[in-house]
Amino acid sequence: MSTADDAAVVRFGIIGGGWLGIDIGGQARDYDGATVGAIADVSKSALADAGDKLNVPETQHYTDYETMLDEADIDVAVVTTPHAFHYEQVAAALDADLHILCEKPLCIDTERARGLVERIEDSDRQVMLGYQHHLRQSFQIARDHVQTANEITAVDAEITQPYLESFDGTWRTNPDISGGAITYDTGNHLIDGLLWTTGLTPVAVSAEMDFVDDDDRVDAAASISVEFENGLVGSIGISGRTARFSESLRVWTDEDSIRFDEDSVEIVDEEGKHRPNLERHEEQNKVEAFLDALESDEEPVATARDSYRTIALTEAAYEAARTGERVPVDIQ
């Protein structure tokens, strides 16, 4: 940890030297009052590339993240590795008494996620998840608008992407590492965005998935029906077979409806359509939001519990698709 003399400088240690690690590390490098103190990656070439881009000397390059957590002078661990490694790396960072900025999801197992959330919430460490929708003005406006409504009457969310074309043969389509495929990856953002903006609690799901492997673990598309705590039933559509990326979420209330994505918001009521202006240049990046939470000691904008709720719904959807049965969502 940093000494009292340099307490104003928050030192980040990056676990995972790929493009996400470089992206978040670059945000820390460029922030006045923060720096990248160390990098860990099993690949020496990735270490060299990340170290060069983030101005981290070779003496602070580690091929073993546990050694970095033990030896490096850092305050924050940034976890940007493939999904399956998040659990052990977040747990190790907590053991090292560090604050944590972890890319989504928290892990790929509901029971482990629940245990990790309990441990995080019992600690005095700040742990933020990298759900960028929470930082977008469009989602913030939608959340504020929807949660002032008397009643939500319908919800619908969909996302498309050339997923298989882009990621087939990578770790993202290896379910032992990714958890599944598009629903556990790109779909994780969509599901989180829906749950976060509406505040709804899912209780059961039914689903159909287009699996591309013999074990029904790697999905190319999904159609998910979600029953929420208040009896509302909503739909989530995910496709990894399209030529382009698109995303849209819609929420209907007892008085109006709102459609939103990362770049726009449209509210429709009895007076017509309204499009709130977005000041995208005022949006925070992940490091800025994390450091705000660290300084204020307030809950970060995207929490481990947010990810736990998303993981629980996602795992139930995979089980429902494999069994053809309606499956309860295990959120405690």
C-alpha atoms as a PDB file:
ATOM      1  CA  MET A   1       0.000   0.000   0.000  1.00  0.00           C
ATOM      2  CA  SER A   2       1.062   3.604  -0.515  1.00  0.00           C
ATOM      3  CA  THR A   3       2.519   5.483   2.433  1.00  0.00           C
ATOM      4  CA  ALA A   4       0.884   8.488   4.068  1.00  0.00           C
ATOM      5  CA  ASP A   5       3.256  10.777   2.149  1.00  0.00           C
ATOM      6  CA  ASP A   6       1.823   9.664  -1.213  1.00  0.00           C
ATOM      7  CA  ALA A   7      -1.716   8.961  -0.050  1.00  0.00           C
ATOM      8  CA  ALA A   8      -2.998  11.424  -2.666  1.00  0.00           C
ATOM      9  CA  VAL A   9      -1.683   9.154  -5.434  1.00  0.00           C
ATOM     10  CA  VAL A  10      -3.793   6.028  -5.857  1.00  0.00           C
ATOM     11  CA  ARG A  11      -1.693   3.222  -7.318  1.00  0.00           C
ATOM     12  CA  PHE A  12      -3.429   0.686  -9.554  1.00  0.00           C
ATOM     13  CA  GLY A  13      -2.224  -2.857 -10.164  1.00  0.00           C
ATOM     14  CA  ILE A  14      -3.597  -4.378 -13.372  1.00  0.00           C
ATOM     15  CA  ILE A  15      -4.353  -8.120 -13.497  1.00  0.00           C
ATOM     16  CA  GLY A  16      -4.653  -8.879 -17.202  1.00  0.00           C
ATOM     17  CA  GLY A  17      -2.590  -6.969 -19.755  1.00  0.00           C
ATOM     18  CA  GLY A  18      -4.992  -7.244 -22.702  1.00  0.00           C
ATOM     19  CA  TRP A  19      -6.985  -4.444 -24.302  1.00  0.00           C
ATOM     20  CA  LEU A  20      -9.312  -3.996 -21.321  1.00  0.00           C
ATOM     21  CA  GLY A  21      -6.401  -3.846 -18.905  1.00  0.00           C
ATOM     22  CA  ILE A  22      -4.684  -1.295 -21.112  1.00  0.00           C
ATOM     23  CA  ASP A  23      -7.905   0.710 -21.485  1.00  0.00           C
ATOM     24  CA  ILE A  24      -8.601   0.943 -17.738  1.00  0.00           C
ATOM     25  CA  GLY A  25      -4.902   1.331 -16.987  1.00  0.00           C
ATOM     26  CA  GLY A  26      -4.810   4.233 -19.439  1.00  0.00           C
ATOM     27  CA  GLN A  27      -7.656   5.914 -17.555  1.00  0.00           C
ATOM     28  CA  ALA A  28      -5.654   5.596 -14.329  1.00  0.00           C
ATOM     29  CA  ARG A  29      -2.425   6.749 -15.997  1.00  0.00           C
ATOM     30  CA  ASP A  30      -4.159   9.875 -17.319  1.00  0.00           C
ATOM     31  CA  TYR A  31      -5.928  10.741 -14.053  1.00  0.00           C
ATOM     32  CA  ASP A  32      -4.316  13.414 -11.895  1.00  0.00           C
ATOM     33  CA  GLY A  33      -3.767  11.678  -8.568  1.00  0.00           C
ATOM     34  CA  ALA A  34      -3.572   8.117  -9.867  1.00  0.00           C
ATOM     35  CA  THR A  35      -0.969   5.945 -11.547  1.00  0.00           C
ATOM     36  CA  VAL A  36      -0.394   2.369 -12.685  1.00  0.00           C
ATOM     37  CA  GLY A  37       2.087   0.838 -10.283  1.00  0.00           C
ATOM     38  CA  ALA A  38       2.258  -2.747 -11.560  1.00  0.00           C
ATOM     39  CA  ILE A  39       0.916  -5.183 -14.167  1.00  0.00           C
ATOM     40  CA  ALA A  40       0.412  -8.956 -14.029  1.00  0.00           C
ATOM     41  CA  ASP A  41      -0.156 -11.267 -16.991  1.00  0.00           C
ATOM     42  CA  VAL A  42       0.884 -14.827 -17.803  1.00  0.00           C
ATOM     43  CA  SER A  43       2.021 -13.628 -21.236  1.00  0.00           C
ATOM     44  CA  LYS A  44       5.389 -11.868 -21.300  1.00  0.00           C
ATOM     45  CA  SER A  45       4.558 -10.241 -24.639  1.00  0.00           C
ATOM     46  CA  ALA A  46       1.303  -8.881 -23.207  1.00  0.00           C
ATOM     47  CA  LEU A  47       3.241  -7.572 -20.207  1.00  0.00           C
ATOM     48  CA  ALA A  48       5.752  -5.833 -22.435  1.00  0.00           C
ATOM     49  CA  ASP A  49       3.019  -4.252 -24.571  1.00  0.00           C
ATOM     50  CA  ALA A  50       0.939  -3.101 -21.591  1.00  0.00           C
ATOM     51  CA  GLY A  51       4.012  -1.870 -19.731  1.00  0.00           C
ATOM     52  CA  ASP A  52       5.079   0.203 -22.713  1.00  0.00           C
ATOM     53  CA  LYS A  53       1.626   1.751 -23.164  1.00  0.00           C
ATOM     54  CA  LEU A  54       1.075   2.407 -19.463  1.00  0.00           C
ATOM     55  CA  ASN A  55       4.611   3.551 -18.609  1.00  0.00           C
ATOM     56  CA  VAL A  56       5.194   0.743 -16.117  1.00  0.00           C
ATOM     57  CA  PRO A  57       8.859  -0.323 -15.748  1.00  0.00           C
ATOM     58  CA  GLU A  58       9.860  -3.978 -16.214  1.00  0.00           C
ATOM     59  CA  THR A  59      10.661  -4.221 -12.517  1.00  0.00           C
ATOM     60  CA  GLN A  60       6.908  -3.970 -11.914  1.00  0.00           C
ATOM     61  CA  HIS A  61       5.909  -6.641 -14.462  1.00  0.00           C
ATOM     62  CA  TYR A  62       4.652  -9.893 -12.920  1.00  0.00           C
ATOM     63  CA  THR A  63       3.786 -13.187 -14.580  1.00  0.00           C
ATOM     64  CA  ASP A  64       2.013 -14.260 -11.365  1.00  0.00           C
ATOM     65  CA  TYR A  65      -0.755 -11.995 -10.065  1.00  0.00           C
ATOM     66  CA  GLU A  66      -0.475 -13.312  -6.494  1.00  0.00           C
ATOM     67  CA  THR A  67       3.159 -12.207  -6.385  1.00  0.00           C
ATOM     68  CA  MET A  68       2.092  -8.768  -7.598  1.00  0.00           C
ATOM     69  CA  LEU A  69      -0.585  -8.543  -4.907  1.00  0.00           C
ATOM     70  CA  ASP A  70       1.985  -9.566  -2.294  1.00  0.00           C
ATOM     71  CA  GLU A  71       4.952  -7.472  -3.381  1.00  0.00           C
ATOM     72  CA  ALA A  72       3.827  -4.446  -5.420  1.00  0.00           C
ATOM     73  CA  ASP A  73       3.128  -1.034  -3.887  1.00  0.00           C
ATOM     74  CA  ILE A  74      -0.510  -0.722  -4.968  1.00  0.00           C
ATOM     75  CA  ASP A  75      -3.841   0.358  -3.487  1.00  0.00           C
ATOM     76  CA  VAL A  76      -6.246  -1.000  -6.106  1.00  0.00           C
ATOM     77  CA  ALA A  77      -6.395  -4.282  -7.991  1.00  0.00           C
ATOM     78  CA  VAL A  78      -7.959  -4.070 -11.462  1.00  0.00           C
ATOM     79  CA  VAL A  79      -9.249  -7.441 -12.707  1.00  0.00           C
ATOM     80  CA  THR A  80      -9.582  -7.651 -16.505  1.00  0.00           C
ATOM     81  CA  THR A  81      -8.975 -11.358 -17.103  1.00  0.00           C
ATOM     82  CA  PRO A  82     -11.449 -13.877 -18.622  1.00  0.00           C
ATOM     83  CA  HIS A  83     -14.581 -14.499 -16.550  1.00  0.00           C
ATOM     84  CA  ALA A  84     -13.643 -17.774 -14.857  1.00  0.00           C
ATOM     85  CA  PHE A  85     -10.605 -16.223 -13.163  1.00  0.00           C
ATOM     86  CA  HIS A  86     -12.433 -13.309 -11.538  1.00  0.00           C
ATOM     87  CA  TYR A  87     -13.512 -15.185  -8.417  1.00  0.00           C
ATOM     88  CA  GLU A  88     -10.066 -16.262  -7.251  1.00  0.00           C
ATOM     89  CA  GLN A  89      -8.464 -12.950  -8.243  1.00  0.00           C
ATOM     90  CA  VAL A  90     -11.052 -10.804  -6.451  1.00  0.00           C
ATOM     91  CA  ALA A  91     -10.798 -13.066  -3.387  1.00  0.00           C
ATOM     92  CA  ALA A  92      -6.989 -12.787  -3.444  1.00  0.00           C
ATOM     93  CA  ALA A  93      -7.188  -8.992  -3.737  1.00  0.00           C
ATOM     94  CA  LEU A  94      -9.502  -8.889  -0.718  1.00  0.00           C
ATOM     95  CA  ASP A  95      -6.992 -11.076   1.147  1.00  0.00           C
ATOM     96  CA  ALA A  96      -4.364  -8.457   0.288  1.00  0.00           C
ATOM     97  CA  ASP A  97      -6.630  -5.706   1.722  1.00  0.00           C
ATOM     98  CA  LEU A  98      -6.932  -3.915  -1.606  1.00  0.00           C
ATOM     99  CA  HIS A  99      -9.755  -1.996  -3.215  1.00  0.00           C
ATOM    100  CA  ILE A 100     -10.962  -3.607  -6.451  1.00  0.00           C
ATOM    101  CA  LEU A 101     -12.215  -2.578  -9.878  1.00  0.00           C
ATOM    102  CA  CYS A 102     -13.386  -5.784 -11.578  1.00  0.00           C
ATOM    103  CA  GLU A 103     -14.703  -6.202 -15.084  1.00  0.00           C
ATOM    104  CA  LYS A 104     -18.015  -8.036 -15.385  1.00  0.00           C
ATOM    105  CA  PRO A 105     -19.123 -10.561 -14.357  1.00  0.00           C
ATOM    106  CA  LEU A 106     -18.031 -10.985 -10.746  1.00  0.00           C
ATOM    107  CA  CYS A 107     -17.688 -14.723 -11.458  1.00  0.00           C
ATOM    108  CA  ILE A 108     -19.562 -17.490 -13.304  1.00  0.00           C
ATOM    109  CA  ASP A 109     -21.235 -19.304 -10.415  1.00  0.00           C
ATOM    110  CA  THR A 110     -24.230 -18.019  -8.446  1.00  0.00           C
ATOM    111  CA  GLU A 111     -23.247 -19.618  -5.140  1.00  0.00           C
ATOM    112  CA  ARG A 112     -19.689 -18.296  -5.343  1.00  0.00           C
ATOM    113  CA  ALA A 113     -20.992 -14.869  -6.345  1.00  0.00           C
ATOM    114  CA  ARG A 114     -23.285 -14.795  -3.307  1.00  0.00           C
ATOM    115  CA  GLY A 115     -20.427 -15.698  -0.981  1.00  0.00           C
ATOM    116  CA  LEU A 116     -18.149 -13.094  -2.526  1.00  0.00           C
ATOM    117  CA  VAL A 117     -20.828 -10.402  -2.239  1.00  0.00           C
ATOM    118  CA  GLU A 118     -21.295 -11.192   1.441  1.00  0.00           C
ATOM    119  CA  ARG A 119     -17.558 -10.975   2.004  1.00  0.00           C
ATOM    120  CA  ILE A 120     -17.296  -7.679   0.110  1.00  0.00           C
ATOM    121  CA  GLU A 121     -20.217  -6.118   1.954  1.00  0.00           C
ATOM    122  CA  ASP A 122     -18.718  -7.172   5.305  1.00  0.00           C
ATOM    123  CA  SER A 123     -15.392  -5.541   4.411  1.00  0.00           C
ATOM    124  CA  ASP A 124     -14.327  -1.889   4.317  1.00  0.00           C
ATOM    125  CA  ARG A 125     -12.972  -2.234   0.770  1.00  0.00           C
ATOM    126  CA  GLN A 126     -14.468  -0.497  -2.251  1.00  0.00           C
ATOM    127  CA  VAL A 127     -15.336  -3.000  -4.980  1.00  0.00           C
ATOM    128  CA  MET A 128     -16.772  -1.715  -8.253  1.00  0.00           C
ATOM    129  CA  LEU A 129     -17.858  -3.739 -11.286  1.00  0.00           C
ATOM    130  CA  GLY A 130     -17.118  -2.519 -14.799  1.00  0.00           C
ATOM    131  CA  TYR A 131     -20.700  -2.186 -16.068  1.00  0.00           C
ATOM    132  CA  GLN A 132     -20.373   0.835 -18.321  1.00  0.00           C
ATOM    133  CA  HIS A 133     -24.151   1.259 -18.709  1.00  0.00           C
ATOM    134  CA  HIS A 134     -24.226   2.608 -15.141  1.00  0.00           C
ATOM    135  CA  LEU A 135     -22.011   5.483 -16.311  1.00  0.00           C
ATOM    136  CA  ARG A 136     -24.111   6.441 -19.335  1.00  0.00           C
ATOM    137  CA  GLN A 137     -26.444   9.414 -19.011  1.00  0.00           C
ATOM    138  CA  SER A 138     -29.089   7.624 -21.071  1.00  0.00           C
ATOM    139  CA  PHE A 139     -29.292   4.751 -18.580  1.00  0.00           C
ATOM    140  CA  GLN A 140     -29.148   7.123 -15.606  1.00  0.00           C
ATOM    141  CA  ILE A 141     -32.030   9.186 -17.011  1.00  0.00           C
ATOM    142  CA  ALA A 142     -34.019   6.027 -17.700  1.00  0.00           C
ATOM    143  CA  ARG A 143     -33.366   4.714 -14.189  1.00  0.00           C
ATOM    144  CA  ASP A 144     -34.403   7.976 -12.523  1.00  0.00           C
ATOM    145  CA  HIS A 145     -37.519   8.199 -14.691  1.00  0.00           C
ATOM    146  CA  VAL A 146     -38.654   4.590 -14.308  1.00  0.00           C
ATOM    147  CA  GLN A 147     -38.102   4.402 -10.571  1.00  0.00           C
ATOM    148  CA  THR A 148     -40.381   7.399  -9.952  1.00  0.00           C
ATOM    149  CA  ALA A 149     -43.275   5.664 -11.736  1.00  0.00           C
ATOM    150  CA  ASN A 150     -46.161   4.202  -9.755  1.00  0.00           C
ATOM    151  CA  GLU A 151     -46.002   0.918 -11.639  1.00  0.00           C
ATOM    152  CA  ILE A 152     -43.932  -0.784 -14.336  1.00  0.00           C
ATOM    153  CA  THR A 153     -46.302  -2.594 -16.683  1.00  0.00           C
ATOM    154  CA  ALA A 154     -43.946  -4.144 -19.258  1.00  0.00           C
ATOM    155  CA  VAL A 155     -40.223  -4.502 -20.045  1.00  0.00           C
ATOM    156  CA  ASP A 156     -38.373  -5.599 -23.161  1.00  0.00           C
ATOM    157  CA  ALA A 157     -34.618  -5.701 -23.879  1.00  0.00           C
ATOM    158  CA  GLU A 158     -32.673  -6.899 -26.891  1.00  0.00           C
ATOM    159  CA  ILE A 159     -29.096  -6.928 -28.125  1.00  0.00           C
ATOM    160  CA  THR A 160     -27.499  -8.158 -31.349  1.00  0.00           C
ATOM    161  CA  GLN A 161     -23.879  -8.634 -32.393  1.00  0.00           C
ATOM    162  CA  PRO A 162     -21.810 -10.665 -34.892  1.00  0.00           C
ATOM    163  CA  TYR A 163     -20.618 -12.642 -31.880  1.00  0.00           C
ATOM    164  CA  LEU A 164     -19.728 -15.990 -33.422  1.00  0.00           C
ATOM    165  CA  GLU A 165     -18.042 -14.318 -36.356  1.00  0.00           C
ATOM    166  CA  SER A 166     -15.955 -12.206 -33.990  1.00  0.00           C
ATOM    167  CA  PHE A 167     -15.158 -14.629 -31.164  1.00  0.00           C
ATOM    168  CA  ASP A 168     -15.493 -18.222 -32.347  1.00  0.00           C
ATOM    169  CA  GLY A 169     -12.372 -20.135 -31.292  1.00  0.00           C
ATOM    170  CA  THR A 170     -11.483 -17.671 -28.509  1.00  0.00           C
ATOM    171  CA  TRP A 171     -11.926 -18.007 -24.740  1.00  0.00           C
ATOM    172  CA  ARG A 172     -15.278 -16.246 -25.074  1.00  0.00           C
ATOM    173  CA  THR A 173     -16.771 -19.376 -26.644  1.00  0.00           C
ATOM    174  CA  ASN A 174     -15.060 -21.732 -24.199  1.00  0.00           C
ATOM    175  CA  PRO A 175     -17.728 -22.222 -21.500  1.00  0.00           C
ATOM    176  CA  ASP A 176     -15.181 -23.397 -18.920  1.00  0.00           C
ATOM    177  CA  ILE A 177     -13.653 -19.920 -19.095  1.00  0.00           C
ATOM    178  CA  SER A 178     -16.511 -17.678 -20.226  1.00  0.00           C
ATOM    179  CA  GLY A 179     -19.451 -19.389 -18.516  1.00  0.00           C
ATOM    180  CA  GLY A 180     -21.255 -19.906 -21.829  1.00  0.00           C
ATOM    181  CA  ALA A 181     -21.050 -17.577 -24.789  1.00  0.00           C
ATOM    182  CA  ILE A 182     -22.995 -14.472 -25.846  1.00  0.00           C
ATOM    183  CA  THR A 183     -25.557 -14.544 -23.023  1.00  0.00           C
ATOM    184  CA  TYR A 184     -22.814 -14.714 -20.376  1.00  0.00           C
ATOM    185  CA  ASP A 185     -20.732 -12.108 -22.184  1.00  0.00           C
ATOM    186  CA  THR A 186     -22.448  -9.356 -24.176  1.00  0.00           C
ATOM    187  CA  GLY A 187     -25.824 -10.371 -22.772  1.00  0.00           C
ATOM    188  CA  ASN A 188     -24.498  -9.792 -19.252  1.00  0.00           C
ATOM    189  CA  HIS A 189     -24.459  -6.041 -19.921  1.00  0.00           C
ATOM    190  CA  LEU A 190     -28.015  -6.102 -21.266  1.00  0.00           C
ATOM    191  CA  ILE A 191     -29.407  -8.090 -18.329  1.00  0.00           C
ATOM    192  CA  ASP A 192     -27.592  -5.909 -15.810  1.00  0.00           C
ATOM    193  CA  GLY A 193     -28.829  -2.754 -17.551  1.00  0.00           C
ATOM    194  CA  LEU A 194     -32.431  -3.957 -17.394  1.00  0.00           C
ATOM    195  CA  LEU A 195     -32.268  -4.970 -13.727  1.00  0.00           C
ATOM    196  CA  TRP A 196     -30.381  -1.842 -12.683  1.00  0.00           C
ATOM    197  CA  THR A 197     -32.619   0.672 -14.427  1.00  0.00           C
ATOM    198  CA  THR A 198     -35.894  -0.921 -13.360  1.00  0.00           C
ATOM    199  CA  GLY A 199     -34.969  -2.178  -9.885  1.00  0.00           C
ATOM    200  CA  LEU A 200     -37.035  -5.291 -10.617  1.00  0.00           C
ATOM    201  CA  THR A 201     -36.172  -8.592  -8.922  1.00  0.00           C
ATOM    202  CA  PRO A 202     -36.411 -11.705 -11.131  1.00  0.00           C
ATOM    203  CA  VAL A 203     -37.931 -14.810  -9.553  1.00  0.00           C
ATOM    204  CA  ALA A 204     -38.156 -17.305 -12.451  1.00  0.00           C
ATOM    205  CA  VAL A 205     -37.203 -17.686 -16.109  1.00  0.00           C
ATOM    206  CA  SER A 206     -37.982 -19.815 -19.125  1.00  0.00           C
ATOM    207  CA  ALA A 207     -35.682 -19.731 -22.134  1.00  0.00           C
ATOM    208  CA  GLU A 208     -34.802 -21.054 -25.541  1.00  0.00           C
ATOM    209  CA  MET A 209     -31.210 -20.925 -26.768  1.00  0.00           C
ATOM    210  CA  ASP A 210     -29.501 -21.663 -30.051  1.00  0.00           C
ATOM    211  CA  PHE A 211     -26.624 -23.869 -28.876  1.00  0.00           C
ATOM    212  CA  VAL A 212     -23.770 -24.586 -31.294  1.00  0.00           C
ATOM    213  CA  ASP A 213     -22.047 -27.360 -29.319  1.00  0.00           C
ATOM    214  CA  ASP A 214     -23.033 -30.935 -28.454  1.00  0.00           C
ATOM    215  CA  ASP A 215     -23.127 -30.226 -24.697  1.00  0.00           C
ATOM    216  CA  ASP A 216     -25.559 -27.279 -24.965  1.00  0.00           C
ATOM    217  CA  ARG A 217     -23.193 -24.849 -23.288  1.00  0.00           C
ATOM    218  CA  VAL A 218     -22.154 -22.454 -26.074  1.00  0.00           C
ATOM    219  CA  ASP A 219     -25.073 -20.265 -27.156  1.00  0.00           C
ATOM    220  CA  ALA A 220     -25.343 -18.166 -30.293  1.00  0.00           C
ATOM    221  CA  ALA A 221     -28.746 -16.653 -29.411  1.00  0.00           C
ATOM    222  CA  ALA A 222     -31.301 -16.633 -26.614  1.00  0.00           C
ATOM    223  CA  SER A 223     -34.943 -15.765 -26.031  1.00  0.00           C
ATOM    224  CA  ILE A 224     -35.616 -15.367 -22.311  1.00  0.00           C
ATOM    225  CA  SER A 225     -38.937 -14.811 -20.539  1.00  0.00           C
ATOM    226  CA  VAL A 226     -38.519 -13.409 -17.030  1.00  0.00           C
ATOM    227  CA  GLU A 227     -41.089 -13.370 -14.248  1.00  0.00           C
ATOM    228  CA  PHE A 228     -40.425 -10.641 -11.702  1.00  0.00           C
ATOM    229  CA  GLU A 229     -41.310 -10.378  -8.025  1.00  0.00           C
ATOM    230  CA  ASN A 230     -44.376  -8.217  -8.670  1.00  0.00           C
ATOM    231  CA  GLY A 231     -45.839 -10.735 -11.148  1.00  0.00           C
ATOM    232  CA  LEU A 232     -44.711  -8.799 -14.224  1.00  0.00           C
ATOM    233  CA  VAL A 233     -43.355 -10.884 -17.120  1.00  0.00           C
ATOM    234  CA  GLY A 234     -40.729  -9.355 -19.426  1.00  0.00           C
ATOM    235  CA  SER A 235     -38.657 -10.490 -22.384  1.00  0.00           C
ATOM    236  CA  ILE A 236     -34.950 -10.486 -23.208  1.00  0.00           C
ATOM    237  CA  GLY A 237     -33.689 -11.216 -26.718  1.00  0.00           C
ATOM    238  CA  ILE A 238     -30.010 -11.874 -27.518  1.00  0.00           C
ATOM    239  CA  SER A 239     -28.516 -12.729 -30.906  1.00  0.00           C
ATOM    240  CA  GLY A 240     -24.915 -13.364 -31.888  1.00  0.00           C
ATOM    241  CA  ARG A 241     -25.627 -14.023 -35.555  1.00  0.00           C
ATOM    242  CA  THR A 242     -26.288 -10.507 -36.870  1.00  0.00           C
ATOM    243  CA  ALA A 243     -24.064  -8.373 -39.080  1.00  0.00           C
ATOM    244  CA  ARG A 244     -24.010  -5.380 -36.734  1.00  0.00           C
ATOM    245  CA  PHE A 245     -24.216  -4.465 -33.069  1.00  0.00           C
ATOM    246  CA  SER A 246     -27.464  -2.994 -31.773  1.00  0.00           C
ATOM    247  CA  GLU A 247     -29.103  -2.633 -28.388  1.00  0.00           C
ATOM    248  CA  SER A 248     -32.466  -1.377 -27.160  1.00  0.00           C
ATOM    249  CA  LEU A 249     -34.300  -1.443 -23.839  1.00  0.00           C
ATOM    250  CA  ARG A 250     -37.931  -0.436 -23.369  1.00  0.00           C
ATOM    251  CA  VAL A 251     -39.927   0.043 -20.203  1.00  0.00           C
ATOM    252  CA  TRP A 252     -43.636   0.821 -20.024  1.00  0.00           C
ATOM    253  CA  THR A 253     -45.169   2.361 -16.912  1.00  0.00           C
ATOM    254  CA  ASP A 254     -48.746   3.165 -15.960  1.00  0.00           C
ATOM    255  CA  GLU A 255     -48.295   6.630 -17.518  1.00  0.00           C
ATOM    256  CA  ASP A 256     -45.741   6.442 -20.330  1.00  0.00           C
ATOM    257  CA  SER A 257     -42.963   4.447 -21.970  1.00  0.00           C
ATOM    258  CA  ILE A 258     -39.226   4.948 -22.314  1.00  0.00           C
ATOM    259  CA  ARG A 259     -36.829   3.513 -24.874  1.00  0.00           C
ATOM    260  CA  PHE A 260     -33.110   3.850 -24.371  1.00  0.00           C
ATOM    261  CA  ASP A 261     -29.670   2.615 -25.349  1.00  0.00           C
ATOM    262  CA  GLU A 262     -26.138   3.895 -24.759  1.00  0.00           C
ATOM    263  CA  ASP A 263     -26.625   6.915 -27.008  1.00  0.00           C
ATOM    264  CA  SER A 264     -30.252   8.007 -26.727  1.00  0.00           C
ATOM    265  CA  VAL A 265     -33.422   8.218 -24.638  1.00  0.00           C
ATOM    266  CA  GLU A 266     -36.969   8.621 -25.917  1.00  0.00           C
ATOM    267  CA  ILE A 267     -39.951   9.119 -23.600  1.00  0.00           C
ATOM    268  CA  VAL A 268     -43.460   8.743 -25.005  1.00  0.00           C
ATOM    269  CA  ASP A 269     -46.449  10.046 -23.040  1.00  0.00           C
ATOM    270  CA  GLU A 270     -49.836  11.581 -23.767  1.00  0.00           C
ATOM    271  CA  GLU A 271     -48.144  14.747 -25.014  1.00  0.00           C
ATOM    272  CA  GLY A 272     -45.973  12.927 -27.549  1.00  0.00           C
ATOM    273  CA  LYS A 273     -42.304  12.000 -27.839  1.00  0.00           C
ATOM    274  CA  HIS A 274     -39.531  13.638 -25.822  1.00  0.00           C
ATOM    275  CA  ARG A 275     -35.791  13.186 -26.310  1.00  0.00           C
ATOM    276  CA  PRO A 276     -33.745  14.451 -23.342  1.00  0.00           C
ATOM    277  CA  ASN A 277     -30.445  16.028 -24.317  1.00  0.00           C
ATOM    278  CA  LEU A 278     -27.377  14.000 -23.384  1.00  0.00           C
ATOM    279  CA  GLU A 279     -24.104  15.623 -22.370  1.00  0.00           C
ATOM    280  CA  ARG A 280     -21.915  12.636 -23.200  1.00  0.00           C
ATOM    281  CA  HIS A 281     -18.722  14.608 -22.604  1.00  0.00           C
ATOM    282  CA  GLU A 282     -19.706  14.908 -18.930  1.00  0.00           C
ATOM    283  CA  GLU A 283     -19.912  11.145 -18.399  1.00  0.00           C
ATOM    284  CA  GLN A 284     -17.304   9.579 -16.138  1.00  0.00           C
ATOM    285  CA  ASN A 285     -15.058   6.754 -17.196  1.00  0.00           C
ATOM    286  CA  LYS A 286     -14.667   3.717 -14.941  1.00  0.00           C
ATOM    287  CA  VAL A 287     -11.609   4.967 -13.079  1.00  0.00           C
ATOM    288  CA  GLU A 288     -13.172   8.383 -12.432  1.00  0.00           C
ATOM    289  CA  ALA A 289     -16.323   6.761 -11.014  1.00  0.00           C
ATOM    290  CA  PHE A 290     -14.282   4.335  -8.929  1.00  0.00           C
ATOM    291  CA  LEU A 291     -12.080   7.055  -7.470  1.00  0.00           C
ATOM    292  CA  ASP A 292     -15.148   9.157  -6.638  1.00  0.00           C
ATOM    293  CA  ALA A 293     -16.513   6.236  -4.610  1.00  0.00           C
ATOM    294  CA  LEU A 294     -13.121   5.722  -2.979  1.00  0.00           C
ATOM    295  CA  GLU A 295     -12.849   9.378  -1.981  1.00  0.00           C
ATOM    296  CA  SER A 296     -16.447   9.726  -0.759  1.00  0.00           C
ATOM    297  CA  ASP A 297     -16.607   6.252   0.819  1.00  0.00           C
ATOM    298  CA  GLU A 298     -20.019   5.839  -0.789  1.00  0.00           C
ATOM    299  CA  GLU A 299     -21.342   2.813  -2.677  1.00  0.00           C
ATOM    300  CA  PRO A 300     -19.894   2.632  -6.202  1.00  0.00           C
ATOM    301  CA  VAL A 301     -22.216   3.115  -9.144  1.00  0.00           C
ATOM    302  CA  ALA A 302     -21.949  -0.582 -10.112  1.00  0.00           C
ATOM    303  CA  THR A 303     -21.702  -3.035  -7.221  1.00  0.00           C
ATOM    304  CA  ALA A 304     -20.851  -6.683  -6.722  1.00  0.00           C
ATOM    305  CA  ARG A 305     -24.499  -7.264  -5.779  1.00  0.00           C
ATOM    306  CA  ASP A 306     -25.555  -5.892  -9.177  1.00  0.00           C
ATOM    307  CA  SER A 307     -23.395  -8.543 -10.810  1.00  0.00           C
ATOM    308  CA  TYR A 308     -24.667 -11.277  -8.487  1.00  0.00           C
ATOM    309  CA  ARG A 309     -28.279 -10.561  -9.515  1.00  0.00           C
ATOM    310  CA  THR A 310     -27.272 -10.701 -13.174  1.00  0.00           C
ATOM    311  CA  ILE A 311     -25.336 -13.956 -12.715  1.00  0.00           C
ATOM    312  CA  ALA A 312     -28.281 -15.588 -10.944  1.00  0.00           C
ATOM    313  CA  LEU A 313     -30.684 -14.722 -13.772  1.00  0.00           C
ATOM    314  CA  THR A 314     -28.167 -15.775 -16.433  1.00  0.00           C
ATOM    315  CA  GLU A 315     -27.464 -19.176 -14.883  1.00  0.00           C
ATOM    316  CA  ALA A 316     -31.190 -19.836 -14.486  1.00  0.00           C
ATOM    317  CA  ALA A 317     -31.705 -18.979 -18.163  1.00  0.00           C
ATOM    318  CA  TYR A 318     -29.070 -21.497 -19.282  1.00  0.00           C
ATOM    319  CA  GLU A 319     -30.638 -24.193 -17.108  1.00  0.00           C
ATOM    320  CA  ALA A 320     -34.106 -23.382 -18.415  1.00  0.00           C
ATOM    321  CA  ALA A 321     -32.911 -23.596 -22.015  1.00  0.00           C
ATOM    322  CA  ARG A 322     -31.248 -26.983 -21.444  1.00  0.00           C
ATOM    323  CA  THR A 323     -34.146 -28.534 -19.528  1.00  0.00           C
ATOM    324  CA  GLY A 324     -37.111 -26.899 -21.222  1.00  0.00           C
ATOM    325  CA  GLU A 325     -38.496 -26.073 -17.779  1.00  0.00           C
ATOM    326  CA  ARG A 326     -39.245 -22.847 -15.945  1.00  0.00           C
ATOM    327  CA  VAL A 327     -36.412 -22.327 -13.444  1.00  0.00           C
ATOM    328  CA  PRO A 328     -36.411 -20.239 -10.265  1.00  0.00           C
ATOM    329  CA  VAL A 329     -33.849 -17.439  -9.996  1.00  0.00           C
ATOM    330  CA  ASP A 330     -31.820 -17.988  -6.828  1.00  0.00           C
ATOM    331  CA  ILE A 331     -31.289 -14.515  -5.377  1.00  0.00           C
ATOM    332  CA  GLN A 332     -30.915 -14.252  -1.609  1.00  0.00           C
END
